[in-house]
């Protein structure tokens, strides 16, 4: 969808969003044997359960990308345990989860760029729309190779990336409403980030907190297309306008999202070297926030 179509708040944008909510969705999760990658799997299963409830039975695809050292012999046992764990989390027995296991060896000394390039290549091959990775956050966990490069993945991926923090809520909390703190600046990346979560993740009982950097009247009017889409979807939202200095925006996003107890922060990041304000601070937000983070580039998804 073009940014022009989205910004118009048109009937076509609303229709496309509604149709996308019912299509088969390809989730991907990065596995390395760490507790955080298991937590990432918890998140994926939760999202798949929520998408299945109240809808006609269908097959959702979950691709597990296992990155391992070729000298280790843990692959088969890890695959078996993750399949069992996924099955134990399933709520809707009528909707099938087609879980595929993809394994790839990486050298013990491989750098972040090499590991993530491998992950993204596998995700692209299987047409994954959201790649979920666990961020490094547990002291002494030496297996967590993926978590150590999660900030690299956020900065470089052309696929929407979900960074799961250690503080992410347990799978048993699926019934509770959740808060999405969506930082927007009017550019394509943040527009697509908002549209992405509306299409695939947000439920009717959740709430979206739209964070705008500027309070000038002409800027407020520019964001009317966001409001039109949220109202068309009958989703709960509130607008938050910031008059703080540019250099304080990252800290303000972290602080406000914490005060609102939002589980997710959603941001767009430009793929060019001339990043938008919000895109250029997403690394800082990821490092400082306790919320899990969804990053969408200004590329087609």
Protein backbone atom coordinates (compact mmCIF):
# COMPACT_ATOMS: atom_id res chain seq x y z
CA UNK A 1 0.00 0.00 0.00
CA UNK A 2 1.36 3.44 -0.88
CA UNK A 3 1.75 6.12 1.77
CA UNK A 4 -0.65 8.27 -0.25
CA UNK A 5 -3.39 5.68 0.10
CA UNK A 6 -2.76 5.35 3.80
CA UNK A 7 -2.62 9.07 4.45
CA UNK A 8 -5.98 9.64 2.78
CA UNK A 9 -7.76 7.53 5.40
CA UNK A 10 -9.70 6.18 2.43
CA UNK A 11 -12.26 3.43 2.26
CA UNK A 12 -9.73 1.38 0.27
CA UNK A 13 -7.20 1.54 3.12
CA UNK A 14 -9.82 0.37 5.62
CA UNK A 15 -11.02 -2.41 3.33
CA UNK A 16 -7.48 -3.67 2.72
CA UNK A 17 -6.76 -3.64 6.45
CA UNK A 18 -9.88 -5.67 7.25
CA UNK A 19 -9.03 -8.22 4.56
CA UNK A 20 -5.46 -8.58 5.80
CA UNK A 21 -6.67 -9.43 9.31
CA UNK A 22 -8.20 -12.66 8.02
CA UNK A 23 -5.42 -13.86 5.74
CA UNK A 24 -2.92 -16.56 6.60
CA UNK A 25 0.07 -14.98 8.28
CA UNK A 26 3.64 -16.26 8.30
CA UNK A 27 5.36 -15.83 11.65
CA UNK A 28 9.06 -16.46 12.12
CA UNK A 29 10.96 -16.95 15.37
CA UNK A 30 14.71 -17.14 15.88
CA UNK A 31 15.83 -20.09 18.03
CA UNK A 32 19.25 -20.53 19.65
CA UNK A 33 18.49 -22.67 22.71
CA UNK A 34 18.38 -19.76 25.15
CA UNK A 35 15.58 -18.92 27.57
CA UNK A 36 14.93 -15.70 25.68
CA UNK A 37 14.38 -17.51 22.40
CA UNK A 38 11.88 -19.74 24.24
CA UNK A 39 10.19 -16.56 25.49
CA UNK A 40 10.05 -15.36 21.88
CA UNK A 41 8.33 -18.64 20.96
CA UNK A 42 5.83 -18.01 23.79
CA UNK A 43 5.02 -14.65 22.23
CA UNK A 44 4.54 -16.08 18.76
CA UNK A 45 2.21 -18.81 20.01
CA UNK A 46 0.22 -16.24 21.96
CA UNK A 47 -0.20 -14.04 18.89
CA UNK A 48 -1.22 -17.00 16.77
CA UNK A 49 -3.76 -18.11 19.37
CA UNK A 50 -5.26 -14.63 19.49
CA UNK A 51 -5.52 -14.41 15.72
CA UNK A 52 -7.32 -17.78 15.65
CA UNK A 53 -9.94 -17.12 18.33
CA UNK A 54 -13.38 -16.20 17.03
CA UNK A 55 -12.44 -16.79 13.39
CA UNK A 56 -13.06 -19.65 10.96
CA UNK A 57 -10.53 -22.50 11.30
CA UNK A 58 -7.44 -22.00 9.16
CA UNK A 59 -3.78 -22.90 9.02
CA UNK A 60 -1.28 -20.38 10.34
CA UNK A 61 2.39 -20.89 9.54
CA UNK A 62 5.14 -20.70 12.14
CA UNK A 63 8.73 -20.96 10.95
CA UNK A 64 11.37 -21.68 13.60
CA UNK A 65 14.83 -20.67 12.47
CA UNK A 66 17.41 -22.54 14.54
CA UNK A 67 20.89 -21.02 14.47
CA UNK A 68 23.43 -23.43 15.93
CA UNK A 69 27.11 -24.13 16.16
CA UNK A 70 27.94 -27.16 13.98
CA UNK A 71 29.86 -28.76 16.85
CA UNK A 72 26.79 -28.95 19.10
CA UNK A 73 24.49 -32.00 19.23
CA UNK A 74 21.43 -30.26 20.62
CA UNK A 75 19.40 -29.76 17.45
CA UNK A 76 17.06 -32.78 17.65
CA UNK A 77 16.28 -32.44 21.35
CA UNK A 78 15.75 -28.70 20.96
CA UNK A 79 13.38 -29.20 18.05
CA UNK A 80 11.37 -31.80 19.98
CA UNK A 81 11.10 -29.65 23.11
CA UNK A 82 10.00 -26.57 21.15
CA UNK A 83 7.34 -28.52 19.26
CA UNK A 84 5.97 -29.84 22.55
CA UNK A 85 6.10 -26.39 24.11
CA UNK A 86 4.24 -24.88 21.17
CA UNK A 87 1.51 -27.54 21.39
CA UNK A 88 1.07 -26.96 25.14
CA UNK A 89 0.42 -23.25 24.54
CA UNK A 90 -2.25 -23.76 21.90
CA UNK A 91 -5.72 -22.60 22.86
CA UNK A 92 -7.86 -23.03 19.76
CA UNK A 93 -7.62 -26.71 18.83
CA UNK A 94 -9.58 -26.25 15.60
CA UNK A 95 -7.10 -23.85 14.05
CA UNK A 96 -3.92 -25.54 12.96
CA UNK A 97 -0.42 -24.19 13.43
CA UNK A 98 1.81 -25.48 10.66
CA UNK A 99 5.15 -25.42 12.48
CA UNK A 100 8.26 -25.81 10.34
CA UNK A 101 11.79 -26.20 11.66
CA UNK A 102 14.65 -24.73 9.64
CA UNK A 103 18.19 -25.36 10.77
CA UNK A 104 21.37 -23.59 9.76
CA UNK A 105 24.92 -23.85 11.03
CA UNK A 106 26.98 -20.80 11.86
CA UNK A 107 30.60 -20.63 12.84
CA UNK A 108 31.29 -20.18 16.52
CA UNK A 109 33.11 -16.93 15.74
CA UNK A 110 30.46 -15.54 13.38
CA UNK A 111 29.76 -11.84 13.81
CA UNK A 112 26.31 -10.27 14.26
CA UNK A 113 26.08 -9.33 10.58
CA UNK A 114 26.67 -12.91 9.46
CA UNK A 115 24.17 -14.40 11.89
CA UNK A 116 21.44 -11.95 11.07
CA UNK A 117 22.07 -12.14 7.32
CA UNK A 118 21.47 -15.88 7.62
CA UNK A 119 18.27 -15.37 9.63
CA UNK A 120 16.86 -12.75 7.29
CA UNK A 121 17.67 -14.88 4.25
CA UNK A 122 15.74 -17.83 5.71
CA UNK A 123 12.85 -15.53 6.65
CA UNK A 124 12.68 -14.11 3.13
CA UNK A 125 12.80 -17.57 1.56
CA UNK A 126 9.71 -18.55 3.55
CA UNK A 127 7.89 -15.23 3.09
CA UNK A 128 7.85 -14.41 6.80
CA UNK A 129 5.98 -11.20 7.63
CA UNK A 130 7.18 -10.78 11.22
CA UNK A 131 10.51 -12.01 12.59
CA UNK A 132 10.54 -12.39 16.38
CA UNK A 133 13.83 -12.42 18.28
CA UNK A 134 14.63 -12.47 21.98
CA UNK A 135 16.86 -9.73 23.30
CA UNK A 136 19.79 -10.56 25.54
CA UNK A 137 18.84 -9.80 29.11
CA UNK A 138 19.52 -12.75 31.41
CA UNK A 139 22.80 -12.65 33.32
CA UNK A 140 25.12 -15.53 32.64
CA UNK A 141 23.17 -16.98 29.74
CA UNK A 142 25.96 -17.79 27.35
CA UNK A 143 23.87 -19.54 24.70
CA UNK A 144 22.06 -16.38 23.69
CA UNK A 145 23.75 -15.63 20.38
CA UNK A 146 20.64 -14.16 18.78
CA UNK A 147 19.92 -11.77 21.63
CA UNK A 148 23.37 -10.28 21.42
CA UNK A 149 22.72 -9.24 17.85
CA UNK A 150 19.07 -8.16 18.26
CA UNK A 151 19.98 -4.46 18.08
CA UNK A 152 21.83 -5.17 14.85
CA UNK A 153 18.78 -6.97 13.47
CA UNK A 154 16.58 -4.02 14.35
CA UNK A 155 18.85 -1.58 12.56
CA UNK A 156 19.37 -3.63 9.41
CA UNK A 157 16.35 -5.85 8.76
CA UNK A 158 14.06 -5.09 5.85
CA UNK A 159 11.44 -7.37 7.45
CA UNK A 160 9.42 -6.09 10.43
CA UNK A 161 11.27 -7.21 13.58
CA UNK A 162 9.81 -7.86 17.02
CA UNK A 163 12.37 -7.54 19.83
CA UNK A 164 11.11 -9.41 22.91
CA UNK A 165 12.39 -8.13 26.26
CA UNK A 166 12.94 -10.31 29.36
CA UNK A 167 10.15 -8.32 31.03
CA UNK A 168 7.56 -9.45 28.48
CA UNK A 169 4.39 -10.78 30.13
CA UNK A 170 3.70 -14.50 30.39
CA UNK A 171 1.55 -16.39 27.88
CA UNK A 172 -1.15 -16.88 30.52
CA UNK A 173 -1.94 -13.16 30.37
CA UNK A 174 -3.48 -13.32 26.88
CA UNK A 175 -6.94 -12.35 28.13
CA UNK A 176 -5.81 -8.99 29.52
CA UNK A 177 -6.00 -5.79 27.43
CA UNK A 178 -2.64 -4.56 26.21
CA UNK A 179 -1.24 -1.17 25.37
CA UNK A 180 0.59 -0.25 22.17
CA UNK A 181 2.66 2.93 22.32
CA UNK A 182 2.98 3.97 18.67
CA UNK A 183 5.39 6.80 17.87
CA UNK A 184 4.51 8.49 14.57
CA UNK A 185 6.08 11.32 12.60
CA UNK A 186 4.08 11.32 9.37
CA UNK A 187 6.69 9.50 7.29
CA UNK A 188 6.17 6.20 5.52
CA UNK A 189 8.04 4.06 8.05
CA UNK A 190 5.91 5.05 11.05
CA UNK A 191 2.74 4.93 8.95
CA UNK A 192 3.51 1.37 7.98
CA UNK A 193 4.43 0.45 11.55
CA UNK A 194 1.01 1.58 12.76
CA UNK A 195 -0.75 -0.13 9.89
CA UNK A 196 1.17 -3.33 10.55
CA UNK A 197 0.05 -3.68 14.17
CA UNK A 198 -3.55 -2.79 13.27
CA UNK A 199 -3.59 -5.44 10.55
CA UNK A 200 -2.01 -8.29 12.41
CA UNK A 201 -1.67 -7.76 16.16
CA UNK A 202 -4.09 -5.35 17.86
CA UNK A 203 -7.32 -6.72 19.34
CA UNK A 204 -10.55 -4.82 19.99
CA UNK A 205 -9.89 -4.71 23.73
CA UNK A 206 -6.39 -3.25 23.33
CA UNK A 207 -5.56 0.45 23.30
CA UNK A 208 -3.26 2.41 21.00
CA UNK A 209 -1.43 5.44 22.37
CA UNK A 210 -0.40 7.64 19.42
CA UNK A 211 2.65 9.72 20.24
CA UNK A 212 3.27 12.84 18.12
CA UNK A 213 6.40 14.93 18.40
CA UNK A 214 4.91 18.34 17.50
CA UNK A 215 1.92 20.33 18.81
CA UNK A 216 1.59 22.82 15.95
CA UNK A 217 -1.93 22.88 14.56
CA UNK A 218 -0.84 22.14 10.99
CA UNK A 219 1.07 19.09 12.20
CA UNK A 220 -1.92 17.86 14.20
CA UNK A 221 -4.01 18.04 11.04
CA UNK A 222 -1.42 16.07 9.13
CA UNK A 223 -2.03 13.09 11.44
CA UNK A 224 -5.76 12.96 10.72
CA UNK A 225 -5.19 9.93 8.48
CA UNK A 226 -4.05 7.92 11.50
CA UNK A 227 -7.18 8.87 13.43
CA UNK A 228 -9.45 8.08 10.47
CA UNK A 229 -8.04 4.58 10.22
CA UNK A 230 -8.29 3.86 13.96
CA UNK A 231 -11.86 5.14 14.12
CA UNK A 232 -12.77 3.14 11.03
CA UNK A 233 -11.49 0.03 12.78
CA UNK A 234 -13.36 1.02 15.98
CA UNK A 235 -10.16 0.75 18.02
CA UNK A 236 -9.57 2.53 21.32
CA UNK A 237 -6.87 5.19 21.11
CA UNK A 238 -5.56 8.37 22.63
CA UNK A 239 -3.33 11.08 21.15
CA UNK A 240 -0.24 12.23 23.01
CA UNK A 241 1.41 15.43 21.81
CA UNK A 242 4.98 16.21 22.80
CA UNK A 243 6.41 19.69 23.04
CA UNK A 244 9.72 18.50 24.46
CA UNK A 245 13.05 19.27 22.84
CA UNK A 246 14.13 17.08 19.96
CA UNK A 247 17.05 15.59 21.90
CA UNK A 248 14.70 14.47 24.70
CA UNK A 249 12.22 12.55 22.55
CA UNK A 250 13.76 9.10 23.07
CA UNK A 251 13.72 9.49 26.85
CA UNK A 252 10.15 10.79 26.70
CA UNK A 253 8.98 7.74 24.72
CA UNK A 254 10.59 5.42 27.26
CA UNK A 255 9.13 7.34 30.21
CA UNK A 256 5.59 7.75 28.87
CA UNK A 257 5.27 4.18 27.65
CA UNK A 258 6.35 3.01 31.11
CA UNK A 259 3.85 5.30 32.85
CA UNK A 260 1.06 3.94 30.63
CA UNK A 261 2.25 0.37 31.27
CA UNK A 262 2.39 -0.38 27.55
CA UNK A 263 3.64 -3.84 26.67
CA UNK A 264 4.71 -2.76 23.19
CA UNK A 265 6.45 0.22 21.63
CA UNK A 266 5.93 0.48 17.87
CA UNK A 267 8.20 2.60 15.71
CA UNK A 268 9.20 3.00 12.09
CA UNK A 269 12.76 3.33 10.91
CA UNK A 270 13.89 4.63 7.54
CA UNK A 271 16.24 2.49 5.53
CA UNK A 272 18.19 5.48 4.17
CA UNK A 273 21.08 7.24 5.87
CA UNK A 274 18.90 10.35 6.38
CA UNK A 275 16.75 8.83 9.14
CA UNK A 276 13.61 10.49 10.41
CA UNK A 277 13.70 11.74 13.99
CA UNK A 278 11.81 8.73 15.33
CA UNK A 279 13.73 6.29 13.17
CA UNK A 280 17.06 7.63 14.32
CA UNK A 281 16.27 7.13 18.02
CA UNK A 282 14.77 3.64 17.87
CA UNK A 283 18.09 2.07 18.93
CA UNK A 284 18.11 4.18 22.10
CA UNK A 285 14.48 3.31 22.87
CA UNK A 286 15.19 -0.40 22.44
CA UNK A 287 18.13 -0.23 24.82
CA UNK A 288 16.39 1.74 27.59
CA UNK A 289 12.77 0.57 27.50
CA UNK A 290 11.31 -2.38 29.40
CA UNK A 291 8.64 -2.78 26.71
CA UNK A 292 9.05 -5.14 23.79
CA UNK A 293 9.67 -3.30 20.54
CA UNK A 294 8.27 -3.63 17.02
CA UNK A 295 10.29 -1.95 14.27
CA UNK A 296 9.04 -1.58 10.68
CA UNK A 297 11.17 -0.17 7.87
CA UNK A 298 9.74 1.95 5.08
CA UNK A 299 9.74 -1.10 2.83
CA UNK A 300 6.82 -3.09 1.50
CA UNK A 301 5.44 -5.82 3.76
